[in-house]
Amino acid sequence: MPGWRPKSLRRWLSRWLAVQTFVALGLVCAAVYYATNVNLINRQDALLEQKVAVVRHLVEENAVSQDTTRLRHKLSDFFYGRPDFSLVLEIEGEKVYYGSPVAGNGDGTHERRISFSLPHPGAPGDALNAELVLDISSDLRLRHALAWTLFACALAGAIVVAAVGTLLVRKGLAPLDELARQAAQLSPDRIGERLDESGQPREIQPLVRQFNAVLQRLERAYVQMEGFNADVAHEMRTPLATLIGETELALSTRPSVQALRETLGSNLEELQRIASIVNDMLFLSQADRGAQARGAWQRSLAEIVREVTQYHEAEALDAGVELSVTGDASALVDRKLFQRAVSNLVSNAVRYADRGSVIEVEISRGAPADGAPGEVLIAVRNTGEPIAQEHLPRLFYRFYRSDSAREFDANHHGLGLAIVAAIARMHGGRSYASSSQRLTTIGFSIVMAPPAGAA
């Protein structure tokens, strides 16, 4: 049955071990029984042939004297004391029986017969019809006893092997019981603990290592979630404190209309900042749940990037930097999401680039690997203070800033690069960053899927 699984691994292994043992021993016992039966039949044939030869010798020896009475006496003496044999001899039209008749049920299953002809002692040239009968009842009883004995041995052997196999299976699965006990002791307040793989069989150690790797990823996600909660509280605390303070001040005094307008305008800015944070968090939540980009085939990504750089020209002019776009490619992208990702990268580069430097946005194509479609790489490079290597893997974390001061910034709340990474995942790509010798490169990739209906 597809999908069937044993309820108990111990019972399943023990049961099938017993069945296989019984079948194997049964085959061996069947072979022994067959060989014994063949030997018994060969022995019966040999006995019949031997007795036929003796009877022939007696008849031929008596053929010279032609005395049938003497022949009868010799045959009676020969078969006397041999209850397993009997001879039926037709002499002068009369059937003469020598030996004891075979005891059986009359169906011939308890006897072996052989018919042959003998020279007539009183009429040279004539022949006597003879039939030698062998009683095989003892052999039948032997075969019957042997069959039951072999069956009992196979059954007993299967039971013994099943009992020993159960003990061995229980001993072999004891490490799994120990792992289950260790896993039962894991709890959220002890998330840093791991399963102990020392002393475990080699076959189980990969499973333990993979389980520990899962625990490590869970711990990392748990720590990030706690840090994320702290970051959210940190980002929301400042605008909320500003809103509360300005509102309390306005309520405790009698401000003029102009002052009240300024207070409301300031509160609106803080509310818009909070709304921006909430919207960004909702977007990241959708991306984490596996949302995919719904895009159209864009023949020129460079054209979209130039639109983004034009939007940031005023910001770049204030920072004293220039923007340039190199390269081009075509890809299936969500235009708005793509613009948002590039805009976040350009805005981040403008903030940290040296005055008088050039920020380069490069579009290139990655080579396909193992038959997979190629990638389109969008990299933004700026010259400025390098980022320490230990900060590079965390740049795309939510609310992460490489500086330890974490100063409040009304225009940037630490979700820009996290959104870039989310948009890259939604397009089947990845995010990456590198920094060395005052040159920092941050970018993302998207899968270069062919347009629908293209040949």
Protein backbone atom coordinates (compact mmCIF):
# COMPACT_ATOMS: atom_id res chain seq x y z
CA MET A 1 0.00 0.00 0.00
CA PRO A 2 1.54 3.36 -1.03
CA GLY A 3 2.51 5.51 1.90
CA TRP A 4 2.19 2.65 4.42
CA ARG A 5 4.55 2.81 7.37
CA PRO A 6 4.98 0.35 10.22
CA LYS A 7 3.58 1.53 13.52
CA SER A 8 6.55 0.11 15.40
CA LEU A 9 9.95 -0.21 13.80
CA ARG A 10 10.99 -2.82 16.36
CA ARG A 11 7.97 -5.02 15.69
CA TRP A 12 8.26 -4.55 11.96
CA LEU A 13 11.92 -5.58 11.88
CA SER A 14 11.39 -8.50 14.27
CA ARG A 15 8.35 -9.77 12.36
CA TRP A 16 10.03 -9.69 8.99
CA LEU A 17 13.23 -11.19 10.38
CA ALA A 18 11.18 -14.09 11.74
CA VAL A 19 9.32 -14.53 8.44
CA GLN A 20 12.52 -14.47 6.39
CA THR A 21 14.20 -16.90 8.77
CA PHE A 22 11.24 -19.29 8.60
CA VAL A 23 11.21 -19.13 4.80
CA ALA A 24 14.98 -19.70 4.58
CA LEU A 25 14.92 -22.60 7.03
CA GLY A 26 11.85 -23.96 5.27
CA LEU A 27 13.71 -24.01 1.97
CA VAL A 28 16.67 -25.78 3.59
CA CYS A 29 14.36 -28.32 5.24
CA ALA A 30 12.54 -28.87 1.94
CA ALA A 31 15.88 -29.55 0.26
CA VAL A 32 16.81 -32.02 3.04
CA TYR A 33 13.42 -33.73 2.75
CA TYR A 34 13.74 -33.98 -1.04
CA ALA A 35 17.27 -35.41 -0.84
CA THR A 36 16.20 -37.96 1.79
CA ASN A 37 13.20 -39.01 -0.31
CA VAL A 38 15.40 -39.49 -3.38
CA ASN A 39 17.83 -41.63 -1.37
CA LEU A 40 14.98 -43.78 -0.05
CA ILE A 41 13.64 -44.34 -3.57
CA ASN A 42 17.12 -45.27 -4.83
CA ARG A 43 17.54 -47.67 -1.93
CA GLN A 44 14.17 -49.27 -2.72
CA ASP A 45 15.12 -49.70 -6.37
CA ALA A 46 18.44 -51.23 -5.37
CA LEU A 47 16.73 -53.68 -3.00
CA LEU A 48 14.23 -54.73 -5.65
CA GLU A 49 16.97 -55.27 -8.22
CA GLN A 50 18.99 -57.28 -5.72
CA LYS A 51 16.07 -59.56 -4.82
CA VAL A 52 15.15 -60.04 -8.48
CA ALA A 53 18.71 -61.18 -9.17
CA VAL A 54 18.57 -63.64 -6.27
CA VAL A 55 15.22 -65.06 -7.45
CA ARG A 56 16.59 -65.44 -10.99
CA HIS A 57 19.61 -67.27 -9.64
CA LEU A 58 17.45 -69.70 -7.65
CA VAL A 59 15.20 -70.43 -10.62
CA GLU A 60 18.09 -70.92 -13.04
CA GLU A 61 19.88 -73.16 -10.54
CA ASN A 62 16.79 -75.35 -10.28
CA ALA A 63 16.16 -75.38 -14.03
CA VAL A 64 18.50 -78.39 -14.50
CA SER A 65 16.57 -80.67 -12.14
CA GLN A 66 13.19 -79.40 -13.33
CA ASP A 67 11.80 -79.97 -9.86
CA THR A 68 9.12 -77.37 -9.11
CA THR A 69 8.59 -78.69 -5.59
CA ARG A 70 12.21 -78.09 -4.70
CA LEU A 71 11.99 -74.60 -6.24
CA ARG A 72 9.00 -73.77 -4.07
CA HIS A 73 10.82 -74.89 -0.95
CA LYS A 74 13.84 -72.75 -1.79
CA LEU A 75 11.71 -69.68 -2.48
CA SER A 76 9.76 -70.20 0.77
CA ASP A 77 13.02 -70.48 2.70
CA PHE A 78 14.39 -67.35 1.01
CA PHE A 79 11.39 -65.15 1.81
CA TYR A 80 10.97 -66.54 5.31
CA GLY A 81 11.81 -63.84 7.87
CA ARG A 82 11.59 -61.04 5.27
CA PRO A 83 8.24 -59.34 5.96
CA ASP A 84 9.08 -56.42 3.66
CA PHE A 85 9.16 -58.61 0.53
CA SER A 86 6.65 -60.87 -1.18
CA LEU A 87 6.77 -62.76 -4.48
CA VAL A 88 3.89 -63.67 -6.74
CA LEU A 89 4.90 -66.53 -9.08
CA GLU A 90 2.63 -68.22 -11.62
CA ILE A 91 3.61 -71.94 -11.86
CA GLU A 92 1.56 -74.36 -13.99
CA GLY A 93 -1.35 -71.90 -14.12
CA GLU A 94 -1.42 -71.42 -10.39
CA LYS A 95 -0.41 -68.21 -8.57
CA VAL A 96 1.86 -68.95 -5.70
CA TYR A 97 2.59 -66.33 -2.99
CA TYR A 98 5.84 -66.30 -1.08
CA GLY A 99 6.46 -64.04 1.88
CA SER A 100 3.99 -61.91 3.88
CA PRO A 101 1.33 -59.89 2.02
CA VAL A 102 1.80 -56.11 2.15
CA ALA A 103 -0.39 -54.41 4.76
CA GLY A 104 -1.91 -51.24 3.35
CA ASN A 105 -5.08 -49.51 2.36
CA GLY A 106 -5.23 -51.26 -1.00
CA ASP A 107 -4.40 -48.21 -3.12
CA GLY A 108 -0.80 -49.26 -3.73
CA THR A 109 0.75 -46.30 -1.93
CA HIS A 110 2.50 -48.52 0.65
CA GLU A 111 4.28 -50.84 -1.82
CA ARG A 112 6.68 -50.92 -4.75
CA ARG A 113 6.19 -53.59 -7.46
CA ILE A 114 8.44 -54.90 -10.20
CA SER A 115 7.35 -57.46 -12.81
CA PHE A 116 9.78 -59.75 -14.62
CA SER A 117 9.91 -63.15 -16.33
CA LEU A 118 11.77 -66.33 -15.31
CA PRO A 119 12.64 -69.56 -17.23
CA HIS A 120 10.18 -72.41 -16.57
CA PRO A 121 11.93 -75.19 -14.62
CA GLY A 122 9.86 -77.99 -16.17
CA ALA A 123 9.45 -76.72 -19.70
CA PRO A 124 12.58 -75.33 -21.32
CA GLY A 125 11.77 -72.39 -23.55
CA ASP A 126 8.73 -71.38 -21.53
CA ALA A 127 8.67 -68.48 -19.09
CA LEU A 128 7.13 -67.81 -15.72
CA ASN A 129 5.49 -64.48 -14.88
CA ALA A 130 6.77 -63.11 -11.60
CA GLU A 131 6.08 -59.97 -9.56
CA LEU A 132 8.20 -58.84 -6.61
CA VAL A 133 6.53 -56.55 -4.06
CA LEU A 134 8.39 -54.36 -1.54
CA ASP A 135 6.58 -52.98 1.51
CA ILE A 136 7.62 -49.32 1.91
CA SER A 137 5.43 -48.54 4.93
CA SER A 138 8.49 -48.02 7.13
CA ASP A 139 9.94 -45.55 4.64
CA LEU A 140 6.62 -43.68 4.53
CA ARG A 141 6.58 -43.44 8.31
CA LEU A 142 10.17 -42.23 8.24
CA ARG A 143 9.35 -39.55 5.67
CA HIS A 144 6.30 -38.44 7.65
CA ALA A 145 8.31 -38.16 10.86
CA LEU A 146 11.12 -36.37 9.02
CA ALA A 147 8.69 -33.81 7.52
CA TRP A 148 7.22 -32.92 10.91
CA THR A 149 10.66 -32.80 12.50
CA LEU A 150 11.99 -30.45 9.84
CA PHE A 151 8.89 -28.24 10.12
CA ALA A 152 9.29 -28.08 13.90
CA CYS A 153 12.98 -27.21 13.52
CA ALA A 154 12.19 -24.40 11.02
CA LEU A 155 9.47 -23.02 13.27
CA ALA A 156 11.62 -23.23 16.40
CA GLY A 157 14.55 -21.66 14.56
CA ALA A 158 12.36 -18.78 13.38
CA ILE A 159 11.09 -18.20 16.92
CA VAL A 160 14.60 -18.22 18.35
CA VAL A 161 15.90 -15.88 15.65
CA ALA A 162 12.90 -13.58 16.16
CA ALA A 163 13.56 -13.43 19.90
CA VAL A 164 17.26 -12.76 19.44
CA GLY A 165 16.51 -10.31 16.63
CA THR A 166 14.09 -8.41 18.86
CA LEU A 167 16.80 -8.00 21.48
CA LEU A 168 19.32 -6.89 18.85
CA VAL A 169 16.84 -4.46 17.27
CA ARG A 170 16.02 -3.00 20.68
CA LYS A 171 19.73 -2.61 21.38
CA GLY A 172 20.37 -1.14 17.92
CA LEU A 173 17.55 1.41 18.29
CA ALA A 174 18.60 2.44 21.79
CA PRO A 175 20.52 5.46 20.38
CA LEU A 176 17.27 6.72 18.84
CA ASP A 177 15.57 6.49 22.22
CA GLU A 178 18.41 8.52 23.69
CA LEU A 179 18.04 11.12 20.93
CA ALA A 180 14.29 11.27 21.58
CA ARG A 181 14.98 11.86 25.27
CA GLN A 182 17.43 14.66 24.45
CA ALA A 183 15.01 16.23 21.97
CA ALA A 184 12.21 16.12 24.57
CA GLN A 185 14.35 18.22 26.90
CA LEU A 186 14.76 21.03 24.35
CA SER A 187 12.65 24.09 25.04
CA PRO A 188 12.59 27.78 24.02
CA ASP A 189 14.52 28.74 27.14
CA ARG A 190 17.20 26.15 26.24
CA ILE A 191 17.35 26.81 22.51
CA GLY A 192 21.13 27.00 22.56
CA GLU A 193 21.47 23.31 23.42
CA ARG A 194 22.22 20.68 20.78
CA LEU A 195 21.81 16.93 20.47
CA ASP A 196 24.89 14.98 21.48
CA GLU A 197 26.19 12.94 18.56
CA SER A 198 29.08 11.37 20.47
CA GLY A 199 28.60 7.64 20.85
CA GLN A 200 25.99 7.52 18.09
CA PRO A 201 26.35 5.06 15.19
CA ARG A 202 27.77 6.42 11.96
CA GLU A 203 24.43 5.95 10.21
CA ILE A 204 22.67 8.24 12.72
CA GLN A 205 25.36 10.92 13.01
CA PRO A 206 24.39 12.68 9.71
CA LEU A 207 20.80 12.89 10.96
CA VAL A 208 21.97 14.35 14.29
CA ARG A 209 24.17 16.89 12.51
CA GLN A 210 21.34 17.94 10.22
CA PHE A 211 18.97 18.26 13.17
CA ASN A 212 21.53 20.34 15.05
CA ALA A 213 21.93 22.51 11.94
CA VAL A 214 18.17 23.07 11.92
CA LEU A 215 18.33 24.00 15.60
CA GLN A 216 21.13 26.44 14.84
CA ARG A 217 19.09 28.07 12.09
CA LEU A 218 16.10 28.25 14.42
CA GLU A 219 18.26 29.81 17.10
CA ARG A 220 19.59 32.35 14.62
CA ALA A 221 16.06 33.15 13.47
CA TYR A 222 14.89 33.40 17.08
CA VAL A 223 17.72 35.77 17.95
CA GLN A 224 17.01 37.82 14.83
CA MET A 225 13.34 37.96 15.77
CA GLU A 226 14.20 39.22 19.23
CA GLY A 227 16.59 41.74 17.71
CA PHE A 228 13.92 42.68 15.20
CA ASN A 229 11.45 43.37 18.02
CA ALA A 230 14.04 45.53 19.75
CA ASP A 231 14.78 47.34 16.49
CA VAL A 232 11.10 47.97 15.84
CA ALA A 233 10.71 49.36 19.35
CA HIS A 234 13.80 51.52 18.82
CA GLU A 235 12.57 52.88 15.48
CA MET A 236 9.04 53.53 16.72
CA ARG A 237 10.03 55.00 20.07
CA THR A 238 11.52 58.24 18.73
CA PRO A 239 8.64 59.32 16.47
CA LEU A 240 6.08 58.25 19.07
CA ALA A 241 7.93 60.22 21.77
CA THR A 242 7.99 63.23 19.46
CA LEU A 243 4.27 62.91 18.80
CA ILE A 244 3.45 62.57 22.49
CA GLY A 245 5.71 65.46 23.52
CA GLU A 246 4.45 67.90 20.90
CA THR A 247 0.83 66.93 21.55
CA GLU A 248 1.23 67.36 25.31
CA LEU A 249 2.90 70.73 24.75
CA ALA A 250 0.10 71.87 22.49
CA LEU A 251 -2.53 70.78 25.04
CA SER A 252 -0.78 72.39 28.00
CA THR A 253 -0.44 75.80 26.33
CA ARG A 254 -2.54 78.05 24.18
CA PRO A 255 -0.55 78.02 20.91
CA SER A 256 -1.34 80.33 18.09
CA VAL A 257 -2.87 79.01 14.92
CA GLN A 258 0.49 79.14 13.19
CA ALA A 259 2.19 77.24 16.03
CA LEU A 260 -0.60 74.68 16.01
CA ARG A 261 -0.20 74.22 12.28
CA GLU A 262 3.54 73.67 12.73
CA THR A 263 2.85 71.11 15.46
CA LEU A 264 0.35 69.27 13.28
CA GLY A 265 2.77 69.38 10.35
CA SER A 266 5.54 67.92 12.51
CA ASN A 267 3.16 65.23 13.79
CA LEU A 268 2.16 64.41 10.23
CA GLU A 269 5.81 63.87 9.28
CA GLU A 270 6.26 61.49 12.21
CA LEU A 271 3.07 59.65 11.33
CA GLN A 272 4.21 59.33 7.72
CA ARG A 273 7.51 57.92 8.99
CA ILE A 274 5.66 55.37 11.12
CA ALA A 275 3.40 54.49 8.18
CA SER A 276 6.48 54.03 5.98
CA ILE A 277 8.03 51.65 8.51
CA VAL A 278 4.77 49.67 8.79
CA ASN A 279 4.39 49.45 5.00
CA ASP A 280 7.98 48.28 4.60
CA MET A 281 7.50 45.65 7.30
CA LEU A 282 4.31 44.39 5.61
CA PHE A 283 6.17 44.17 2.30
CA LEU A 284 8.98 42.15 3.90
CA SER A 285 6.43 39.89 5.57
CA GLN A 286 4.82 39.14 2.20
CA ALA A 287 8.23 38.41 0.70
CA ASP A 288 9.06 36.06 3.57
CA ARG A 289 5.84 34.13 2.88
CA GLY A 290 7.07 33.36 -0.62
CA ALA A 291 5.43 36.10 -2.69
CA GLN A 292 6.74 36.18 -6.24
CA ALA A 293 7.16 39.17 -8.55
CA ARG A 294 4.64 39.55 -11.35
CA GLY A 295 6.63 41.21 -14.05
CA ALA A 296 6.78 41.83 -17.76
CA TRP A 297 9.61 41.42 -20.21
CA GLN A 298 11.81 44.52 -20.13
CA ARG A 299 14.07 44.87 -23.14
CA SER A 300 16.32 47.50 -21.55
CA LEU A 301 17.03 47.51 -17.82
CA ALA A 302 19.47 50.38 -18.34
CA GLU A 303 16.59 52.64 -19.34
CA ILE A 304 14.79 51.87 -16.07
CA VAL A 305 17.98 52.45 -14.08
CA ARG A 306 18.53 55.84 -15.75
CA GLU A 307 15.05 56.87 -14.70
CA VAL A 308 15.99 56.04 -11.11
CA THR A 309 19.30 57.97 -11.30
CA GLN A 310 17.48 60.98 -12.68
CA TYR A 311 15.18 60.87 -9.66
CA HIS A 312 18.25 60.96 -7.36
CA GLU A 313 20.11 63.70 -9.26
CA ALA A 314 19.17 66.40 -6.74
CA GLU A 315 20.27 64.22 -3.82
CA ALA A 316 23.54 63.40 -5.63
CA LEU A 317 24.14 67.08 -6.39
CA ASP A 318 23.76 67.98 -2.71
CA ALA A 319 26.21 65.20 -1.79
CA GLY A 320 28.71 66.31 -4.46
CA VAL A 321 28.75 63.00 -6.35
CA GLU A 322 27.95 61.93 -9.89
CA LEU A 323 25.87 58.98 -11.12
CA SER A 324 26.69 56.80 -14.13
CA VAL A 325 25.04 53.74 -15.69
CA THR A 326 26.99 51.11 -17.63
CA GLY A 327 25.88 47.94 -19.36
CA ASP A 328 22.42 46.74 -20.31
CA ALA A 329 20.36 43.55 -20.33
CA SER A 330 16.84 42.26 -20.83
CA ALA A 331 14.89 40.34 -18.19
CA LEU A 332 11.45 39.52 -16.84
CA VAL A 333 10.99 41.93 -13.91
CA ASP A 334 8.38 43.80 -11.97
CA ARG A 335 9.18 47.35 -13.06
CA LYS A 336 8.10 49.06 -9.82
CA LEU A 337 9.87 46.58 -7.56
CA PHE A 338 13.00 46.76 -9.70
CA GLN A 339 12.97 50.56 -9.52
CA ARG A 340 12.52 50.40 -5.75
CA ALA A 341 15.50 48.07 -5.29
CA VAL A 342 17.79 50.18 -7.49
CA SER A 343 16.59 53.35 -5.78
CA ASN A 344 17.45 51.95 -2.34
CA LEU A 345 20.94 51.00 -3.52
CA VAL A 346 21.58 54.38 -5.14
CA SER A 347 20.28 56.28 -2.11
CA ASN A 348 22.51 54.19 0.17
CA ALA A 349 25.55 54.82 -2.05
CA VAL A 350 24.92 58.59 -2.16
CA ARG A 351 24.86 58.74 1.65
CA TYR A 352 28.25 57.08 2.09
CA ALA A 353 30.16 58.07 -1.08
CA ASP A 354 33.09 60.49 -0.91
CA ARG A 355 32.37 63.97 -2.16
CA GLY A 356 33.59 64.39 -5.71
CA SER A 357 33.46 60.65 -6.50
CA VAL A 358 31.40 58.82 -9.12
CA ILE A 359 28.76 56.25 -8.22
CA GLU A 360 28.57 53.57 -10.90
CA VAL A 361 25.51 51.41 -11.53
CA GLU A 362 26.64 48.41 -13.58
CA ILE A 363 24.30 45.99 -15.35
CA SER A 364 25.89 42.72 -16.47
CA ARG A 365 24.95 39.18 -17.34
CA GLY A 366 26.07 36.18 -15.30
CA ALA A 367 26.97 32.92 -17.00
CA PRO A 368 24.31 30.15 -16.73
CA ALA A 369 25.26 27.15 -14.58
CA ASP A 370 24.17 23.50 -14.99
CA GLY A 371 21.51 24.29 -17.55
CA ALA A 372 19.85 26.95 -15.36
CA PRO A 373 18.96 30.33 -16.89
CA GLY A 374 21.56 33.04 -16.54
CA GLU A 375 21.44 35.91 -14.09
CA VAL A 376 21.33 39.65 -14.54
CA LEU A 377 23.56 41.40 -12.01
CA ILE A 378 22.86 44.95 -10.87
CA ALA A 379 25.78 46.32 -8.87
CA VAL A 380 26.14 49.80 -7.34
CA ARG A 381 29.73 50.87 -6.55
CA ASN A 382 30.82 53.86 -4.56
CA THR A 383 34.11 55.12 -3.14
CA GLY A 384 34.12 55.80 0.58
CA GLU A 385 34.89 54.35 3.97
CA PRO A 386 35.12 50.55 3.63
CA ILE A 387 32.73 48.27 5.51
CA ALA A 388 34.31 45.81 7.93
CA GLN A 389 34.14 42.21 6.75
CA GLU A 390 32.17 41.09 9.81
CA HIS A 391 29.39 43.53 8.88
CA LEU A 392 28.99 42.43 5.25
CA PRO A 393 26.84 39.29 5.89
CA ARG A 394 24.48 41.36 8.07
CA LEU A 395 23.97 44.32 5.78
CA PHE A 396 20.69 42.89 4.48
CA TYR A 397 19.26 42.26 7.95
CA ARG A 398 16.31 44.39 8.98
CA PHE A 399 17.17 47.57 10.89
CA TYR A 400 20.87 46.67 10.74
CA ARG A 401 23.42 49.48 10.66
CA SER A 402 27.13 48.93 10.51
CA ASP A 403 27.77 51.84 12.87
CA SER A 404 27.31 51.16 16.58
CA ALA A 405 25.84 54.59 17.34
CA ARG A 406 22.55 53.81 15.56
CA GLU A 407 21.73 57.49 15.45
CA PHE A 408 18.21 58.46 14.64
CA ASP A 409 17.68 59.30 10.98
CA ALA A 410 14.29 60.59 9.98
CA ASN A 411 14.77 59.61 6.33
CA HIS A 412 16.33 56.16 6.76
CA HIS A 413 15.12 53.51 9.16
CA GLY A 414 17.34 50.53 8.24
CA LEU A 415 15.03 48.53 5.98
CA GLY A 416 16.33 49.62 2.57
CA LEU A 417 18.84 46.83 1.98
CA ALA A 418 16.50 44.25 3.51
CA ILE A 419 13.92 45.29 0.91
CA VAL A 420 16.57 44.93 -1.82
CA ALA A 421 17.26 41.35 -0.71
CA ALA A 422 13.51 40.60 -0.60
CA ILE A 423 12.96 41.95 -4.11
CA ALA A 424 15.90 39.87 -5.37
CA ARG A 425 14.34 36.72 -3.86
CA MET A 426 10.98 37.57 -5.42
CA HIS A 427 12.74 37.57 -8.81
CA GLY A 428 14.54 34.28 -8.10
CA GLY A 429 17.85 36.02 -7.45
CA ARG A 430 20.10 36.92 -4.54
CA SER A 431 21.78 39.88 -2.86
CA TYR A 432 25.51 40.36 -2.35
CA ALA A 433 28.00 42.87 -0.98
CA SER A 434 31.76 43.39 -0.95
CA SER A 435 34.08 46.11 0.33
CA SER A 436 37.83 46.57 0.06
CA GLN A 437 40.28 49.42 -0.47
CA ARG A 438 37.58 52.11 -0.10
CA LEU A 439 35.51 50.55 -2.90
CA THR A 440 32.14 49.19 -1.79
CA THR A 441 29.89 47.15 -4.08
CA ILE A 442 26.32 46.27 -3.12
CA GLY A 443 23.96 44.66 -5.57
CA PHE A 444 21.45 41.97 -6.40
CA SER A 445 20.68 39.54 -9.17
CA ILE A 446 17.54 38.41 -10.97
CA VAL A 447 16.92 35.35 -13.12
CA MET A 448 17.05 36.19 -16.81
CA ALA A 449 13.94 34.24 -17.85
CA PRO A 450 12.97 34.34 -21.56
CA PRO A 451 9.84 36.26 -22.57
CA ALA A 452 6.60 34.33 -22.95
CA GLY A 453 6.17 32.98 -26.46
CA ALA A 454 9.80 33.54 -27.40
CA ALA A 455 11.42 30.86 -29.52
